[in-house]
């Protein structure tokens, strides 16, 4: 089973939430486990989409209280680590899908790339290194393309 982290802002607009929900639904349809930070925004929308299709959702919460979790989690794991829990989200994943996002999302993208994980971006950060090299994000135009690409990249890494 492939673990896919979906990362994005803890609050987002309706269009971004709809996109994240579609990503979650497609991941569930593919039999992947959805890993998130367990809170609102993109995380909640992705979990809602996955749970609506019977998928498994895991949330690694920043605090100590399970009641802070969104209501679409199958498993809520309090870490007490604050934003440092972002590293656990990445370490638990075989591949990452970044949906839009803020600075927390940017940190998760950077951690994933540092760990050698492929990152598929949908409407997310554009980054260039200090020497002018494009940061190696795989780009997708929508949910279906993002999930298909993420699953291919995970399989290529030997994560069936």
Protein backbone atom coordinates (compact mmCIF):
# COMPACT_ATOMS: atom_id res chain seq x y z
CA UNK A 1 0.00 0.00 0.00
CA UNK A 2 1.32 3.43 -0.92
CA UNK A 3 1.33 6.23 1.67
CA UNK A 4 0.67 9.59 0.03
CA UNK A 5 1.08 12.81 2.00
CA UNK A 6 -1.20 15.59 0.88
CA UNK A 7 0.12 18.92 2.10
CA UNK A 8 -1.40 22.37 1.89
CA UNK A 9 -2.61 25.30 3.94
CA UNK A 10 -4.65 24.86 7.13
CA UNK A 11 -7.21 27.28 5.69
CA UNK A 12 -8.12 27.64 2.05
CA UNK A 13 -10.76 28.88 -0.33
CA UNK A 14 -13.56 26.82 -1.86
CA UNK A 15 -11.75 26.09 -5.14
CA UNK A 16 -8.64 24.80 -3.35
CA UNK A 17 -10.79 22.74 -0.97
CA UNK A 18 -12.63 21.20 -3.92
CA UNK A 19 -9.33 20.31 -5.57
CA UNK A 20 -7.99 18.76 -2.36
CA UNK A 21 -11.21 16.79 -1.90
CA UNK A 22 -10.87 15.42 -5.44
CA UNK A 23 -7.25 14.42 -4.69
CA UNK A 24 -8.36 12.58 -1.55
CA UNK A 25 -11.16 10.77 -3.40
CA UNK A 26 -8.81 9.68 -6.19
CA UNK A 27 -6.26 8.42 -3.65
CA UNK A 28 -8.95 6.34 -1.92
CA UNK A 29 -10.11 4.96 -5.27
CA UNK A 30 -6.50 3.89 -5.92
CA UNK A 31 -6.21 2.19 -2.52
CA UNK A 32 -3.56 4.57 -1.19
CA UNK A 33 -3.31 5.66 2.45
CA UNK A 34 -3.69 9.41 2.87
CA UNK A 35 -1.29 11.06 5.32
CA UNK A 36 -1.90 14.67 6.43
CA UNK A 37 -1.24 17.03 9.30
CA UNK A 38 -4.76 16.21 10.48
CA UNK A 39 -6.19 19.70 10.79
CA UNK A 40 -8.36 21.92 8.54
CA UNK A 41 -8.12 23.45 5.09
CA UNK A 42 -6.46 21.31 2.44
CA UNK A 43 -5.86 18.53 5.00
CA UNK A 44 -9.53 18.29 5.98
CA UNK A 45 -10.77 18.54 2.40
CA UNK A 46 -8.45 15.76 1.22
CA UNK A 47 -9.54 13.57 4.14
CA UNK A 48 -13.20 14.29 3.40
CA UNK A 49 -12.71 13.15 -0.19
CA UNK A 50 -10.87 9.98 0.84
CA UNK A 51 -13.32 9.01 3.60
CA UNK A 52 -16.23 9.63 1.25
CA UNK A 53 -14.81 6.84 -0.90
CA UNK A 54 -13.99 4.53 2.02
CA UNK A 55 -10.30 5.41 2.14
CA UNK A 56 -7.87 5.33 5.06
CA UNK A 57 -6.76 8.71 6.41
CA UNK A 58 -4.02 9.33 8.97
CA UNK A 59 -3.46 12.68 10.65
CA UNK A 60 -0.26 13.58 12.48
CA UNK A 61 -1.46 16.37 14.73
CA UNK A 62 0.78 19.21 15.93
CA UNK A 63 -0.63 19.20 19.47
CA UNK A 64 -1.39 16.74 22.22
CA UNK A 65 -5.17 16.63 21.85
CA UNK A 66 -6.97 14.26 19.46
CA UNK A 67 -10.02 16.52 19.59
CA UNK A 68 -8.09 19.03 17.44
CA UNK A 69 -8.28 16.58 14.52
CA UNK A 70 -10.60 17.02 11.58
CA UNK A 71 -13.59 14.69 11.65
CA UNK A 72 -12.55 12.75 8.53
CA UNK A 73 -9.54 10.98 10.00
CA UNK A 74 -9.43 7.21 10.38
CA UNK A 75 -6.44 7.58 12.71
CA UNK A 76 -5.52 10.76 14.62
CA UNK A 77 -2.04 10.75 16.16
CA UNK A 78 -1.17 13.63 18.51
CA UNK A 79 2.56 14.39 18.34
CA UNK A 80 3.00 17.40 20.65
CA UNK A 81 5.61 18.64 18.17
CA UNK A 82 3.96 21.76 16.75
CA UNK A 83 5.06 22.49 13.21
CA UNK A 84 7.94 20.04 13.64
CA UNK A 85 5.29 17.37 13.00
CA UNK A 86 5.64 18.34 9.32
CA UNK A 87 8.80 16.23 9.29
CA UNK A 88 6.79 13.21 10.48
CA UNK A 89 4.20 13.74 7.75
CA UNK A 90 7.00 13.60 5.18
CA UNK A 91 8.80 10.64 6.79
CA UNK A 92 5.54 8.65 6.77
CA UNK A 93 5.05 9.19 3.02
CA UNK A 94 6.23 7.43 -0.11
CA UNK A 95 5.31 10.44 -2.26
CA UNK A 96 3.90 13.94 -1.63
CA UNK A 97 1.15 15.92 -3.34
CA UNK A 98 1.27 19.66 -2.57
CA UNK A 99 -2.02 21.48 -3.13
CA UNK A 100 -1.58 25.26 -3.18
CA UNK A 101 -0.26 26.17 0.30
CA UNK A 102 1.61 28.61 2.45
CA UNK A 103 4.99 28.59 4.16
CA UNK A 104 4.25 25.35 6.04
CA UNK A 105 3.61 23.69 2.69
CA UNK A 106 6.85 25.12 1.35
CA UNK A 107 8.71 23.61 4.31
CA UNK A 108 7.12 20.22 3.64
CA UNK A 109 8.07 20.40 -0.04
CA UNK A 110 11.66 21.20 0.95
CA UNK A 111 11.80 18.35 3.48
CA UNK A 112 10.40 15.88 0.96
CA UNK A 113 12.92 16.89 -1.68
CA UNK A 114 15.74 16.71 0.89
CA UNK A 115 14.57 13.15 1.74
CA UNK A 116 14.54 12.20 -1.95
CA UNK A 117 10.75 11.90 -2.13
CA UNK A 118 9.00 12.92 -5.32
CA UNK A 119 6.66 15.89 -4.95
CA UNK A 120 3.73 16.52 -7.26
CA UNK A 121 2.52 20.10 -7.17
CA UNK A 122 -0.94 21.35 -8.08
CA UNK A 123 -1.16 25.14 -8.00
CA UNK A 124 1.65 25.30 -5.48
CA UNK A 125 5.00 27.00 -5.05
CA UNK A 126 7.39 27.76 -7.89
CA UNK A 127 10.94 27.70 -6.64
CA UNK A 128 14.38 28.37 -8.05
CA UNK A 129 17.65 27.54 -6.32
CA UNK A 130 20.17 30.28 -5.49
CA UNK A 131 22.14 29.29 -8.61
CA UNK A 132 19.08 29.55 -10.84
CA UNK A 133 18.10 25.88 -11.09
CA UNK A 134 14.41 25.02 -11.09
CA UNK A 135 13.43 23.06 -7.96
CA UNK A 136 12.40 19.56 -9.14
CA UNK A 137 8.65 19.53 -8.56
CA UNK A 138 6.48 17.43 -10.83
CA UNK A 139 3.57 19.57 -12.00
CA UNK A 140 -0.02 18.47 -12.48
CA UNK A 141 -3.02 20.40 -13.74
CA UNK A 142 -5.69 18.72 -11.64
CA UNK A 143 -6.51 16.04 -9.10
CA UNK A 144 -6.67 13.04 -11.43
CA UNK A 145 -3.36 13.91 -13.07
CA UNK A 146 -1.70 14.61 -9.69
CA UNK A 147 -2.74 11.27 -8.20
CA UNK A 148 -1.83 9.25 -11.29
CA UNK A 149 1.59 10.91 -11.44
CA UNK A 150 2.20 10.48 -7.71
CA UNK A 151 1.35 6.77 -7.86
CA UNK A 152 3.64 6.26 -10.90
CA UNK A 153 6.49 8.06 -9.13
CA UNK A 154 6.01 5.98 -5.97
CA UNK A 155 5.97 2.76 -8.02
CA UNK A 156 9.15 3.87 -9.81
CA UNK A 157 10.79 4.17 -6.38
CA UNK A 158 9.71 0.61 -5.58
CA UNK A 159 6.63 1.50 -3.52
CA UNK A 160 3.87 -0.59 -5.16
